[in-house]
Amino acid sequence: MKELIRYKIQREDTLESIAAKHGLSIKELVTFHNQSCGVTETILNDYLPLHLEHIFLEIKTEEKQQKSNNTTTSNKARYRAEQTVITKINGIIQNHADTKREFFVIKEYNNSKLLIKTALVENIIKINPMALQDAMNIICEVDLLKCDAILEPDLKTGKIKKVRNHDEIIKRWKKYRNNLESKFGFIRSDTTKNDFKRFIDASENVIINEENLKTDFNAKLFFDLFFDKYLVSKDNLFDSFNKKLNSQLLENIPVELKFRQDILSETEDTVTVRKVGELNKNSLNIDGLKKSYEERYLPIVGYKFSEYNFSMREHTILDVTNQWIEDSEVTIIEEVKNNVQILISYKLKKIET
């Protein structure tokens, strides 16, 4: 007879995270639980049922545990991310958004292959003007279903190479989309109806196409910071480099920054590094930036397109021994000088699990 434990489900838990914590595959976890539970506690889908408070897990014998340890090891961390975004037109604040997010991360080494399991367990956005809050709440919900992901980093760059559970994310999205369309089926205004359809279509275009989904992940500062070379290497981490980022002001037009890195302090296990990114003006798509500005801001601002600037400053503490980010602060300033500006302040901190 197999021995079992009755595991109390925590708020941040997913099937993936529980399985990883106990050295099981999701199939093993669900099969054993369903064999051990009552009918009303059966897991039938890819999610933990909302009413489920406990899950039954097999207690592995020492022999089984040793066998498991030979093939898979994992470790975990929890991060809190706080972001403030301020948009100014003619020097006057037009909108202000504060975001608080908490991520649960598991690094799993399976037969020498690194997989990163991420879950967004807290996602709180407050925006001013308040008229935008309902739309922002929907964006938060879409982020929650996207960010419950299994990601494989590139072994050279540390950037996201593959979304291993892409099919599962698509299933979640389709279920959510159907619920959303049903919920807002009453909309009568043609303008609102068209705006809603554009949002649905844009979200689907991101989620259905894996390359688009990877691009969407990389556009989020958490994923951009976490998925980097330190994850896969300890060599040449602090060389200068170039990186393309999408404009936050002007229709996601890509712009290239040139980064230098300065080591501020170091110990045997940690390095504190400052990264300074300045705009590579030789690579700018000025015509595209100007066209976007004229369409989006000229009717509001009144003044013609002037000088475009984009800068990024990052201050990060890396645990290079265990390959984790301990702490990071980022400031991004993008502007069409004297006309429109966006300021992003971002803080990421590893906290106790």
Protein backbone atom coordinates (compact mmCIF):
# COMPACT_ATOMS: atom_id res chain seq x y z
CA MET A 1 0.00 0.00 0.00
CA LYS A 2 1.31 3.47 -0.94
CA GLU A 3 1.87 6.04 1.79
CA LEU A 4 0.42 9.49 1.26
CA ILE A 5 0.38 12.97 2.69
CA ARG A 6 -2.48 15.48 2.63
CA TYR A 7 -0.93 18.68 1.27
CA LYS A 8 -2.73 21.97 2.02
CA ILE A 9 -2.96 24.07 -1.14
CA GLN A 10 -1.44 27.54 -0.79
CA ARG A 11 -2.68 30.65 -2.55
CA GLU A 12 0.19 30.75 -5.07
CA ASP A 13 0.14 27.03 -5.87
CA THR A 14 -0.44 25.60 -9.33
CA LEU A 15 -0.32 21.99 -10.48
CA GLU A 16 3.10 22.75 -11.98
CA SER A 17 4.52 24.30 -8.80
CA ILE A 18 3.22 21.54 -6.48
CA ALA A 19 4.56 18.84 -8.80
CA ALA A 20 7.97 20.52 -9.05
CA LYS A 21 8.21 21.00 -5.26
CA HIS A 22 7.66 17.29 -4.70
CA GLY A 23 9.72 15.90 -7.56
CA LEU A 24 6.71 14.67 -9.53
CA SER A 25 5.39 15.09 -13.03
CA ILE A 26 1.95 16.70 -13.30
CA LYS A 27 0.58 13.40 -14.63
CA GLU A 28 1.96 11.51 -11.59
CA LEU A 29 0.53 14.10 -9.20
CA VAL A 30 -2.97 14.13 -10.73
CA THR A 31 -3.14 10.34 -11.17
CA PHE A 32 -2.17 9.63 -7.56
CA HIS A 33 -4.49 12.32 -6.16
CA ASN A 34 -7.47 11.08 -8.18
CA GLN A 35 -6.84 7.49 -7.02
CA SER A 36 -6.78 8.66 -3.39
CA CYS A 37 -9.55 11.26 -3.17
CA GLY A 38 -13.33 11.33 -3.19
CA VAL A 39 -15.40 12.02 -6.28
CA THR A 40 -15.96 15.71 -5.47
CA GLU A 41 -12.20 16.31 -5.09
CA THR A 42 -11.22 14.82 -8.45
CA ILE A 43 -8.99 16.96 -10.72
CA LEU A 44 -10.47 16.84 -14.23
CA ASN A 45 -8.75 19.76 -15.99
CA ASP A 46 -5.39 21.51 -16.22
CA TYR A 47 -6.10 23.67 -13.17
CA LEU A 48 -6.51 23.12 -9.48
CA PRO A 49 -10.31 23.29 -8.84
CA LEU A 50 -11.21 26.44 -6.93
CA HIS A 51 -12.97 24.51 -4.17
CA LEU A 52 -10.05 22.14 -3.57
CA GLU A 53 -8.27 22.76 -0.25
CA HIS A 54 -5.95 19.73 -0.13
CA ILE A 55 -4.19 17.46 -2.58
CA PHE A 56 -3.00 13.93 -1.89
CA LEU A 57 0.68 13.22 -2.59
CA GLU A 58 2.60 9.98 -2.52
CA ILE A 59 5.37 9.70 0.09
CA LYS A 60 8.36 8.40 -1.85
CA THR A 61 10.57 5.73 -0.36
CA GLU A 62 14.26 6.56 0.04
CA GLU A 63 15.05 4.44 -3.03
CA LYS A 64 12.46 6.24 -5.17
CA GLN A 65 13.55 9.64 -3.88
CA GLN A 66 17.19 8.92 -4.72
CA LYS A 67 16.22 7.86 -8.21
CA SER A 68 14.24 11.06 -8.66
CA ASN A 69 17.11 13.20 -7.38
CA ASN A 70 19.42 11.68 -9.97
CA THR A 71 17.31 13.08 -12.80
CA THR A 72 15.69 16.25 -11.51
CA THR A 73 16.62 19.01 -9.08
CA SER A 74 14.74 22.22 -8.53
CA ASN A 75 14.89 25.39 -6.51
CA LYS A 76 12.47 28.25 -6.11
CA ALA A 77 12.18 31.93 -5.34
CA ARG A 78 9.55 34.58 -4.89
CA TYR A 79 9.91 38.08 -6.32
CA ARG A 80 8.03 41.30 -5.68
CA ALA A 81 7.98 43.86 -8.47
CA GLU A 82 6.73 47.43 -8.11
CA GLN A 83 6.40 49.75 -11.08
CA THR A 84 5.29 53.34 -11.54
CA VAL A 85 4.52 54.72 -15.01
CA ILE A 86 3.92 58.45 -15.52
CA THR A 87 2.99 60.03 -18.84
CA LYS A 88 3.36 63.77 -19.33
CA ILE A 89 2.19 66.00 -22.17
CA ASN A 90 3.61 69.53 -22.29
CA GLY A 91 5.04 68.81 -18.83
CA ILE A 92 1.60 68.06 -17.33
CA ILE A 93 0.84 64.57 -15.98
CA GLN A 94 -1.85 62.90 -18.09
CA ASN A 95 -1.97 59.50 -16.45
CA HIS A 96 -0.27 57.65 -13.65
CA ALA A 97 -0.23 53.88 -13.07
CA ASP A 98 1.12 51.95 -10.08
CA THR A 99 1.66 48.20 -10.40
CA LYS A 100 2.45 45.67 -7.69
CA ARG A 101 3.24 42.12 -8.82
CA GLU A 102 4.46 38.99 -7.12
CA PHE A 103 6.05 36.16 -9.10
CA PHE A 104 6.73 32.60 -7.99
CA VAL A 105 9.65 31.04 -9.87
CA ILE A 106 10.99 27.50 -9.97
CA LYS A 107 14.28 26.62 -11.66
CA GLU A 108 14.29 22.98 -12.62
CA TYR A 109 17.27 21.10 -14.02
CA ASN A 110 15.95 18.03 -15.77
CA ASN A 111 18.61 15.82 -17.37
CA SER A 112 20.87 18.88 -17.64
CA LYS A 113 18.17 20.99 -19.33
CA LEU A 114 17.11 24.16 -17.54
CA LEU A 115 13.39 24.97 -17.37
CA ILE A 116 11.99 28.04 -15.61
CA LYS A 117 8.45 27.78 -14.27
CA THR A 118 6.82 31.13 -13.56
CA ALA A 119 3.52 32.07 -11.99
CA LEU A 120 2.12 35.56 -11.47
CA VAL A 121 0.41 35.21 -8.09
CA GLU A 122 -0.32 38.88 -7.35
CA ASN A 123 -1.13 41.48 -10.01
CA ILE A 124 -2.50 44.78 -8.74
CA ILE A 125 -2.68 47.86 -10.97
CA LYS A 126 -4.11 51.20 -9.94
CA ILE A 127 -4.45 53.80 -12.66
CA ASN A 128 -5.43 57.45 -12.76
CA PRO A 129 -7.74 58.51 -14.42
CA MET A 130 -10.05 55.91 -12.90
CA ALA A 131 -12.02 55.62 -16.16
CA LEU A 132 -9.26 53.33 -17.43
CA GLN A 133 -9.38 50.97 -14.41
CA ASP A 134 -11.92 48.48 -15.82
CA ALA A 135 -9.87 47.97 -18.98
CA MET A 136 -6.74 47.60 -16.87
CA ASN A 137 -8.40 44.91 -14.75
CA ILE A 138 -9.00 42.82 -17.86
CA ILE A 139 -5.37 43.28 -18.93
CA CYS A 140 -4.35 42.05 -15.45
CA GLU A 141 -6.45 38.90 -15.86
CA VAL A 142 -4.90 38.17 -19.26
CA ASP A 143 -1.42 38.61 -17.78
CA LEU A 144 -2.24 36.12 -15.03
CA LEU A 145 -3.14 33.37 -17.48
CA LYS A 146 -0.15 34.10 -19.75
CA CYS A 147 2.48 34.23 -17.03
CA ASP A 148 1.69 30.77 -15.62
CA ALA A 149 4.38 29.46 -17.96
CA ILE A 150 7.14 26.89 -18.41
CA LEU A 151 10.00 28.62 -20.22
CA GLU A 152 13.23 27.25 -21.63
CA PRO A 153 16.10 29.77 -21.79
CA ASP A 154 18.63 29.93 -24.59
CA LEU A 155 21.88 28.34 -23.36
CA LYS A 156 24.00 31.19 -24.78
CA THR A 157 21.99 34.31 -23.95
CA GLY A 158 19.63 33.22 -21.14
CA LYS A 159 16.72 34.80 -23.05
CA ILE A 160 13.49 32.88 -23.58
CA LYS A 161 13.95 30.27 -26.31
CA LYS A 162 10.80 28.16 -25.96
CA VAL A 163 7.41 28.34 -24.23
CA ARG A 164 7.08 24.71 -23.20
CA ASN A 165 3.42 24.85 -22.15
CA HIS A 166 2.27 27.04 -25.04
CA ASP A 167 -0.64 24.71 -25.89
CA GLU A 168 -1.87 24.90 -22.29
CA ILE A 169 -1.72 28.72 -22.32
CA ILE A 170 -3.75 28.75 -25.55
CA LYS A 171 -6.42 26.53 -23.91
CA ARG A 172 -6.62 28.89 -20.94
CA TRP A 173 -6.95 31.88 -23.24
CA LYS A 174 -9.74 30.35 -25.32
CA LYS A 175 -11.71 29.53 -22.17
CA TYR A 176 -11.15 33.04 -20.80
CA ARG A 177 -12.04 34.66 -24.15
CA ASN A 178 -15.32 32.77 -24.32
CA ASN A 179 -16.20 33.83 -20.77
CA LEU A 180 -15.26 37.44 -21.53
CA GLU A 181 -17.31 37.55 -24.73
CA SER A 182 -20.28 36.10 -22.86
CA LYS A 183 -19.89 38.56 -20.00
CA PHE A 184 -19.79 41.62 -22.28
CA GLY A 185 -22.22 40.34 -24.90
CA PHE A 186 -24.69 43.06 -23.90
CA ILE A 187 -22.54 45.88 -25.37
CA ARG A 188 -24.67 48.02 -27.70
CA SER A 189 -22.34 50.89 -28.61
CA ASP A 190 -20.64 50.24 -31.96
CA THR A 191 -17.56 52.15 -30.82
CA THR A 192 -17.23 50.17 -27.58
CA LYS A 193 -17.97 46.93 -29.42
CA ASN A 194 -15.20 47.64 -31.95
CA ASP A 195 -12.73 48.58 -29.21
CA PHE A 196 -13.54 45.36 -27.35
CA LYS A 197 -13.06 43.27 -30.51
CA ARG A 198 -9.71 44.96 -31.22
CA PHE A 199 -8.54 44.10 -27.71
CA ILE A 200 -9.63 40.46 -28.07
CA ASP A 201 -7.98 40.15 -31.49
CA ALA A 202 -4.74 41.78 -30.31
CA SER A 203 -4.55 39.55 -27.22
CA GLU A 204 -5.23 36.43 -29.30
CA ASN A 205 -2.57 37.40 -31.83
CA VAL A 206 -0.03 37.54 -29.00
CA ILE A 207 -1.05 34.30 -27.29
CA ILE A 208 -1.66 32.02 -30.29
CA ASN A 209 1.71 32.77 -31.93
CA GLU A 210 4.63 31.55 -29.81
CA GLU A 211 7.08 34.11 -31.24
CA ASN A 212 4.65 36.91 -30.40
CA LEU A 213 4.19 35.49 -26.90
CA LYS A 214 7.96 35.39 -26.35
CA THR A 215 8.18 39.00 -27.53
CA ASP A 216 5.39 39.93 -25.13
CA PHE A 217 7.21 38.25 -22.23
CA ASN A 218 10.45 40.04 -23.06
CA ALA A 219 8.64 43.39 -23.14
CA LYS A 220 7.74 42.92 -19.46
CA LEU A 221 10.55 44.13 -17.24
CA PHE A 222 10.43 41.11 -14.93
CA PHE A 223 11.12 38.68 -17.77
CA ASP A 224 13.62 41.01 -19.43
CA LEU A 225 15.65 41.24 -16.21
CA PHE A 226 15.28 37.66 -15.00
CA PHE A 227 15.97 35.92 -18.31
CA ASP A 228 19.53 36.97 -18.98
CA LYS A 229 23.01 35.54 -19.46
CA TYR A 230 23.70 35.03 -15.72
CA LEU A 231 21.13 32.18 -15.76
CA VAL A 232 23.24 30.03 -18.08
CA SER A 233 26.83 31.25 -17.73
CA LYS A 234 29.32 32.86 -15.36
CA ASP A 235 31.64 34.11 -18.11
CA ASN A 236 31.72 37.56 -19.77
CA LEU A 237 28.66 38.72 -17.86
CA PHE A 238 29.72 42.35 -17.68
CA ASP A 239 30.75 43.16 -21.24
CA SER A 240 29.16 46.04 -23.13
CA PHE A 241 26.19 45.08 -25.29
CA ASN A 242 23.42 46.43 -27.50
CA LYS A 243 19.74 45.72 -26.93
CA LYS A 244 16.55 46.53 -28.80
CA LEU A 245 13.54 47.74 -26.85
CA ASN A 246 10.10 48.71 -28.07
CA SER A 247 8.99 52.31 -27.76
CA GLN A 248 6.35 52.75 -25.06
CA LEU A 249 5.24 56.08 -26.53
CA LEU A 250 5.21 55.43 -30.25
CA GLU A 251 3.43 52.28 -31.48
CA ASN A 252 6.01 49.77 -30.21
CA ILE A 253 8.59 50.90 -32.77
CA PRO A 254 11.91 49.15 -31.91
CA VAL A 255 14.81 51.33 -30.77
CA GLU A 256 18.35 50.21 -30.02
CA LEU A 257 20.28 51.10 -26.87
CA LYS A 258 24.02 50.78 -26.31
CA PHE A 259 24.79 49.53 -22.77
CA ARG A 260 27.91 49.76 -20.71
CA GLN A 261 28.26 47.84 -17.44
CA ASP A 262 30.20 48.96 -14.36
CA ILE A 263 30.90 46.65 -11.42
CA LEU A 264 30.29 48.72 -8.28
CA SER A 265 31.12 46.06 -5.68
CA GLU A 266 31.59 42.32 -5.42
CA THR A 267 32.01 39.43 -2.99
CA GLU A 268 32.69 35.78 -3.58
CA ASP A 269 29.00 35.15 -4.28
CA THR A 270 27.49 38.48 -5.36
CA VAL A 271 28.15 41.30 -7.80
CA THR A 272 26.56 44.74 -7.79
CA VAL A 273 26.47 46.11 -11.32
CA ARG A 274 25.29 49.35 -12.90
CA LYS A 275 24.05 49.24 -16.49
CA VAL A 276 23.70 52.45 -18.47
CA GLY A 277 21.84 52.35 -21.79
CA GLU A 278 21.96 55.24 -24.23
CA LEU A 279 20.11 55.60 -27.51
CA ASN A 280 21.93 54.45 -30.66
CA LYS A 281 20.76 57.35 -32.82
CA ASN A 282 22.38 55.92 -35.96
CA SER A 283 19.85 53.06 -35.98
CA LEU A 284 16.72 55.17 -35.38
CA ASN A 285 13.67 54.86 -37.60
CA ILE A 286 13.04 58.60 -37.49
CA ASP A 287 10.33 58.54 -40.15
CA GLY A 288 8.39 55.85 -38.28
CA LEU A 289 8.73 57.67 -34.95
CA LYS A 290 7.68 60.97 -36.50
CA LYS A 291 4.65 59.43 -38.22
CA SER A 292 3.51 57.76 -35.00
CA TYR A 293 3.96 61.01 -33.05
CA GLU A 294 1.94 62.99 -35.58
CA GLU A 295 -0.92 60.47 -35.45
CA ARG A 296 -1.04 60.04 -31.67
CA TYR A 297 0.15 63.29 -30.09
CA LEU A 298 0.23 66.17 -32.55
CA PRO A 299 -3.55 66.79 -32.35
CA ILE A 300 -3.23 66.96 -28.53
CA VAL A 301 0.16 68.67 -28.10
CA GLY A 302 -0.03 71.05 -31.04
CA TYR A 303 3.75 71.20 -31.40
CA LYS A 304 5.66 69.40 -34.14
CA PHE A 305 7.95 66.40 -33.62
CA SER A 306 11.23 67.51 -32.04
CA GLU A 307 14.21 65.54 -30.68
CA TYR A 308 13.62 61.90 -29.65
CA ASN A 309 15.43 60.40 -26.63
CA PHE A 310 15.37 57.06 -24.84
CA SER A 311 17.58 56.11 -21.86
CA MET A 312 17.68 53.26 -19.36
CA ARG A 313 19.53 52.93 -16.04
CA GLU A 314 19.73 49.66 -14.11
CA HIS A 315 21.28 48.87 -10.71
CA THR A 316 21.30 45.14 -9.97
CA ILE A 317 22.66 42.78 -7.32
CA LEU A 318 23.35 39.31 -8.74
CA ASP A 319 23.91 36.10 -6.80
CA VAL A 320 26.36 34.69 -9.34
CA THR A 321 26.96 31.50 -7.34
CA ASN A 322 23.34 30.35 -7.27
CA GLN A 323 22.34 32.35 -10.37
CA TRP A 324 19.51 34.51 -9.01
CA ILE A 325 18.76 38.21 -9.17
CA GLU A 326 18.66 39.48 -5.59
CA ASP A 327 17.62 43.07 -6.21
CA SER A 328 17.21 45.39 -9.18
CA GLU A 329 16.13 48.98 -9.79
CA VAL A 330 15.45 50.33 -13.28
CA THR A 331 14.63 53.81 -14.56
CA ILE A 332 13.49 54.38 -18.14
CA ILE A 333 12.89 57.81 -19.68
CA GLU A 334 11.49 58.15 -23.19
CA GLU A 335 10.49 61.46 -24.71
CA VAL A 336 9.86 63.64 -27.68
CA LYS A 337 11.66 66.58 -26.14
CA ASN A 338 9.43 69.29 -24.57
CA ASN A 339 6.29 67.61 -25.96
CA VAL A 340 5.59 64.18 -24.47
CA GLN A 341 7.43 62.01 -21.97
CA ILE A 342 7.01 58.64 -20.28
CA LEU A 343 8.87 57.84 -17.06
CA ILE A 344 9.06 54.25 -15.77
CA SER A 345 10.44 53.40 -12.34
CA TYR A 346 10.77 49.68 -11.58
CA LYS A 347 11.94 47.79 -8.48
CA LEU A 348 12.44 44.02 -8.28
CA LYS A 349 13.32 42.23 -5.06
CA LYS A 350 13.81 38.57 -4.19
CA ILE A 351 11.93 37.77 -0.97
CA GLU A 352 11.62 34.76 1.27
CA THR A 353 9.69 31.85 -0.21
